Amino acid sequence: MDTAPTPAESPTEPAAAEAPAPEPTPSEPAEVSKDAMDGRPNEKVDILDDTDTVRQEGMDWFVLRVASNKESSVQQTLLRKVQIEGMQHLVGRILVPTEKTKTIKGGKQKITETKLYPGYVFVEMRLEEDGRIPQDVFFLIKETTGVGDFVGTAGRPTPMAEHEVVKMLTDSKRPDEEPLIKLSFEKGEHVLIKEGPFENYEGTVDELLPEKGLVRVLVTIFGRQAPIELEEWQIAKADEA
């Protein structure tokens, strides 16, 4: 398939009756990974369960550009429209993969949910024999607030490759799992302590403890190295402090 662009790329303008919605701007911290939709096999793709269906018979998955922060509203609106208009035989699943992450500050946990592909919604649908979107489906989608264009050319959306679909479906299952604690430091990295009794001390990351949301840092105190466990927000990369 044609490579679906990362948010930094310029979209291809397909022929349409209406002007496309403004090009979505990605939101931090999530962004489309470089290898998620690059047309190459992804070795990190998890295997779906035997009960999962990659695609419904006669349908393919397509990438729809939408306005930033409108992914969920577009998804819910399209699902509702498809049901009302009885178009389930033409449009299947509509997904917005997200990931829950957990942060700990002052001993308190905070869970946030971020879009893994900001500015994109994934639509499973059946095309006409000439590769075009059925007219009723086209207008149902294009008349939805926040919708831009499908990835493709000349009104013919490009189907996602098999490995791209599997990765997207795997990503879509993540919200039901235990939230992850992401630590932005690496073992051996030089850091500066920003808060606490050892404020302004410099040290080296000795171990990451993601299950606790902590980073163990080796600090030299009175000529000896001592391990100190700190919450991530209490330290900064030394070259960025």
Protein backbone atom coordinates (compact mmCIF):
# COMPACT_ATOMS: atom_id res chain seq x y z
CA MET A 1 0.00 0.00 0.00
CA ASP A 2 1.00 3.64 -0.30
CA THR A 3 2.72 4.62 2.88
CA ALA A 4 0.36 6.25 5.33
CA PRO A 5 2.15 9.42 6.41
CA THR A 6 3.22 10.29 9.87
CA PRO A 7 1.56 13.50 11.10
CA ALA A 8 4.60 15.48 9.96
CA GLU A 9 3.99 14.67 6.29
CA SER A 10 1.71 16.59 3.98
CA PRO A 11 -1.53 14.74 3.09
CA THR A 12 -2.48 13.82 -0.45
CA GLU A 13 -5.62 15.68 -1.43
CA PRO A 14 -8.23 13.32 -2.93
CA ALA A 15 -11.08 14.52 -5.12
CA ALA A 16 -14.01 15.39 -2.89
CA ALA A 17 -17.18 17.41 -2.98
CA GLU A 18 -16.23 19.36 0.11
CA ALA A 19 -13.06 21.05 1.29
CA PRO A 20 -11.14 18.77 3.66
CA ALA A 21 -10.96 19.46 7.37
CA PRO A 22 -7.79 21.21 8.57
CA GLU A 23 -4.74 18.94 8.66
CA PRO A 24 -4.61 17.43 12.18
CA THR A 25 -1.80 18.45 14.45
CA PRO A 26 -0.36 15.65 16.60
CA SER A 27 -0.58 15.96 20.34
CA GLU A 28 2.12 14.95 22.78
CA PRO A 29 3.13 12.48 24.02
CA ALA A 30 1.75 10.03 21.51
CA GLU A 31 2.74 10.10 17.86
CA VAL A 32 2.57 7.76 14.89
CA SER A 33 5.63 5.56 15.12
CA LYS A 34 7.95 5.62 12.13
CA ASP A 35 7.55 1.92 11.49
CA ALA A 36 3.84 1.59 12.28
CA MET A 37 2.68 2.36 8.75
CA ASP A 38 5.79 2.34 6.58
CA GLY A 39 4.92 -0.65 4.42
CA ARG A 40 7.59 -2.86 6.03
CA PRO A 41 7.15 -5.85 8.34
CA ASN A 42 7.15 -4.96 12.02
CA GLU A 43 8.99 -7.54 14.12
CA LYS A 44 7.38 -6.29 17.34
CA VAL A 45 3.81 -6.99 16.27
CA ASP A 46 2.04 -9.20 18.79
CA ILE A 47 0.06 -12.21 17.59
CA LEU A 48 -3.72 -11.84 17.89
CA ASP A 49 -5.80 -14.47 19.61
CA ASP A 50 -7.38 -17.18 17.46
CA THR A 51 -10.79 -15.66 18.20
CA ASP A 52 -9.82 -12.27 16.74
CA THR A 53 -10.74 -11.46 13.14
CA VAL A 54 -8.24 -9.32 11.28
CA ARG A 55 -10.90 -8.15 8.83
CA GLN A 56 -14.49 -9.01 8.03
CA GLU A 57 -15.15 -10.85 4.78
CA GLY A 58 -15.08 -8.52 1.79
CA MET A 59 -13.79 -5.57 3.82
CA ASP A 60 -10.42 -3.86 4.28
CA TRP A 61 -9.02 -1.41 6.79
CA PHE A 62 -8.37 2.22 5.81
CA VAL A 63 -6.77 5.22 7.51
CA LEU A 64 -8.92 8.34 7.88
CA ARG A 65 -7.34 11.70 8.74
CA VAL A 66 -9.29 13.73 11.29
CA ALA A 67 -8.86 17.00 13.17
CA SER A 68 -6.62 16.89 16.23
CA ASN A 69 -8.39 15.85 19.43
CA LYS A 70 -11.51 14.88 17.45
CA GLU A 71 -10.61 11.20 17.07
CA SER A 72 -13.04 9.87 19.68
CA SER A 73 -15.94 12.14 18.70
CA VAL A 74 -15.53 11.21 15.02
CA GLN A 75 -15.45 7.53 15.96
CA GLN A 76 -18.62 7.72 18.05
CA THR A 77 -20.47 9.86 15.48
CA LEU A 78 -19.62 7.50 12.60
CA LEU A 79 -20.62 4.41 14.60
CA ARG A 80 -23.96 6.03 15.41
CA LYS A 81 -24.57 7.11 11.79
CA VAL A 82 -23.73 3.66 10.42
CA GLN A 83 -26.22 2.07 12.79
CA ILE A 84 -28.98 4.60 12.08
CA GLU A 85 -28.55 4.30 8.30
CA GLY A 86 -28.25 0.49 8.43
CA MET A 87 -24.87 0.43 6.69
CA GLN A 88 -23.26 -2.30 8.78
CA HIS A 89 -22.82 -4.37 5.60
CA LEU A 90 -20.63 -1.59 4.16
CA VAL A 91 -18.85 -0.26 7.27
CA GLY A 92 -17.51 -2.53 10.01
CA ARG A 93 -15.34 -1.57 12.97
CA ILE A 94 -14.14 1.99 13.58
CA LEU A 95 -11.20 2.19 15.97
CA VAL A 96 -9.07 4.76 17.81
CA PRO A 97 -6.17 2.88 19.47
CA THR A 98 -5.20 4.35 22.85
CA GLU A 99 -2.77 3.56 25.64
CA LYS A 100 -3.20 4.05 29.37
CA THR A 101 -0.16 5.20 31.29
CA LYS A 102 0.32 5.66 35.02
CA THR A 103 2.44 8.29 36.71
CA ILE A 104 3.26 8.59 40.40
CA LYS A 105 3.94 11.88 42.14
CA GLY A 106 4.14 12.29 45.88
CA GLY A 107 2.91 8.74 46.27
CA LYS A 108 -0.30 9.50 44.37
CA GLN A 109 -1.11 7.70 41.13
CA LYS A 110 -2.51 9.40 38.06
CA ILE A 111 -3.77 7.46 35.03
CA THR A 112 -3.96 9.14 31.63
CA GLU A 113 -5.13 7.78 28.29
CA THR A 114 -3.37 8.97 25.13
CA LYS A 115 -4.01 8.38 21.44
CA LEU A 116 -1.37 6.15 19.86
CA TYR A 117 -2.09 7.59 16.40
CA PRO A 118 -3.19 11.20 16.97
CA GLY A 119 -5.03 12.68 14.00
CA TYR A 120 -6.14 9.30 12.61
CA VAL A 121 -9.16 6.99 12.83
CA PHE A 122 -9.14 3.45 11.42
CA VAL A 123 -12.21 2.40 9.41
CA GLU A 124 -13.10 -1.08 8.20
CA MET A 125 -15.28 -0.89 5.09
CA ARG A 126 -16.23 -2.45 1.78
CA LEU A 127 -15.32 -0.61 -1.45
CA GLU A 128 -16.91 -0.66 -4.90
CA GLU A 129 -15.33 -2.93 -7.51
CA ASP A 130 -13.45 0.06 -8.98
CA GLY A 131 -11.83 0.78 -5.59
CA ARG A 132 -13.97 3.80 -4.73
CA ILE A 133 -15.97 4.37 -1.57
CA PRO A 134 -19.72 3.67 -2.02
CA GLN A 135 -21.44 7.02 -2.53
CA ASP A 136 -23.73 6.73 0.53
CA VAL A 137 -20.77 5.84 2.73
CA PHE A 138 -18.66 8.64 1.26
CA PHE A 139 -21.20 11.33 2.14
CA LEU A 140 -21.94 9.79 5.54
CA ILE A 141 -18.25 10.08 6.41
CA LYS A 142 -17.44 13.39 4.71
CA GLU A 143 -20.40 15.18 6.33
CA THR A 144 -19.09 14.33 9.79
CA THR A 145 -17.51 17.24 11.64
CA GLY A 146 -13.75 16.94 12.01
CA VAL A 147 -13.23 14.51 9.13
CA GLY A 148 -10.46 15.07 6.58
CA ASP A 149 -9.48 12.58 3.88
CA PHE A 150 -8.59 8.93 3.62
CA VAL A 151 -4.99 8.00 2.95
CA GLY A 152 -4.92 7.32 -0.79
CA THR A 153 -5.21 9.10 -4.12
CA ALA A 154 -7.98 10.28 -6.45
CA GLY A 155 -10.79 9.29 -4.12
CA ARG A 156 -9.54 5.71 -3.86
CA PRO A 157 -8.37 5.00 -0.30
CA THR A 158 -5.39 2.67 0.08
CA PRO A 159 -6.00 -0.50 2.15
CA MET A 160 -3.66 -1.08 5.07
CA ALA A 161 -1.16 -3.93 4.78
CA GLU A 162 -1.69 -7.08 6.85
CA HIS A 163 1.06 -6.35 9.41
CA GLU A 164 -0.23 -2.79 9.84
CA VAL A 165 -3.74 -4.07 10.58
CA VAL A 166 -2.48 -6.63 13.09
CA LYS A 167 -0.42 -3.98 14.92
CA MET A 168 -3.33 -1.53 14.98
CA LEU A 169 -5.74 -4.18 16.31
CA THR A 170 -3.22 -5.21 18.95
CA ASP A 171 -2.80 -1.57 19.99
CA SER A 172 -6.59 -1.22 20.19
CA LYS A 173 -6.74 -3.88 22.92
CA ARG A 174 -4.38 -2.07 25.30
CA PRO A 175 -6.88 0.07 27.31
CA ASP A 176 -8.22 -3.07 29.00
CA GLU A 177 -4.78 -3.96 30.29
CA GLU A 178 -3.04 -2.74 33.45
CA PRO A 179 -1.83 0.86 32.88
CA LEU A 180 1.87 1.15 32.15
CA ILE A 181 4.37 3.28 34.03
CA LYS A 182 6.69 4.91 31.51
CA LEU A 183 10.11 5.99 32.70
CA SER A 184 12.04 8.30 30.39
CA PHE A 185 15.48 7.48 31.78
CA GLU A 186 18.02 4.77 30.96
CA LYS A 187 20.48 2.86 33.09
CA GLY A 188 23.84 4.64 33.24
CA GLU A 189 22.34 8.04 32.37
CA HIS A 190 23.70 11.11 34.18
CA VAL A 191 20.95 12.96 36.09
CA LEU A 192 20.42 15.91 38.41
CA ILE A 193 18.16 15.66 41.47
CA LYS A 194 15.60 18.51 41.46
CA GLU A 195 13.61 17.85 44.65
CA GLY A 196 14.08 16.32 48.08
CA PRO A 197 16.90 16.21 50.62
CA PHE A 198 19.50 15.59 47.91
CA GLU A 199 18.43 18.51 45.70
CA ASN A 200 21.14 19.67 43.24
CA TYR A 201 23.14 16.46 43.69
CA GLU A 202 24.21 14.76 40.49
CA GLY A 203 24.14 11.00 40.05
CA THR A 204 23.89 8.07 37.68
CA VAL A 205 20.82 5.95 37.01
CA ASP A 206 21.51 2.51 38.48
CA GLU A 207 18.15 0.79 37.97
CA LEU A 208 14.61 1.48 36.74
CA LEU A 209 11.72 0.28 38.90
CA PRO A 210 8.68 0.84 36.65
CA GLU A 211 6.36 -1.27 38.80
CA LYS A 212 6.90 1.30 41.59
CA GLY A 213 7.36 4.33 39.36
CA LEU A 214 10.83 4.84 40.83
CA VAL A 215 14.37 5.38 39.54
CA ARG A 216 17.34 4.21 41.61
CA VAL A 217 20.17 6.73 41.37
CA LEU A 218 23.73 6.33 42.59
CA VAL A 219 24.85 9.51 44.36
CA THR A 220 28.28 10.21 45.84
CA ILE A 221 27.89 11.22 49.49
CA PHE A 222 30.97 11.85 51.66
CA GLY A 223 33.14 10.16 49.07
CA ARG A 224 30.99 7.03 48.80
CA GLN A 225 28.32 6.03 46.32
CA ALA A 226 24.89 5.48 47.82
CA PRO A 227 21.73 4.28 46.04
CA ILE A 228 18.70 6.55 46.38
CA GLU A 229 15.23 5.70 45.08
CA LEU A 230 13.45 8.71 43.61
CA GLU A 231 10.21 9.34 41.77
CA GLU A 232 10.77 10.27 38.14
CA TRP A 233 9.58 13.86 38.56
CA GLN A 234 12.29 14.44 41.16
CA ILE A 235 15.14 14.09 38.65
CA ALA A 236 16.12 15.53 35.28
CA LYS A 237 18.62 14.63 32.62
CA ALA A 238 21.83 16.41 33.54
CA ASP A 239 22.34 17.89 30.08
CA GLU A 240 18.80 19.30 30.06
CA ALA A 241 18.69 20.65 33.62
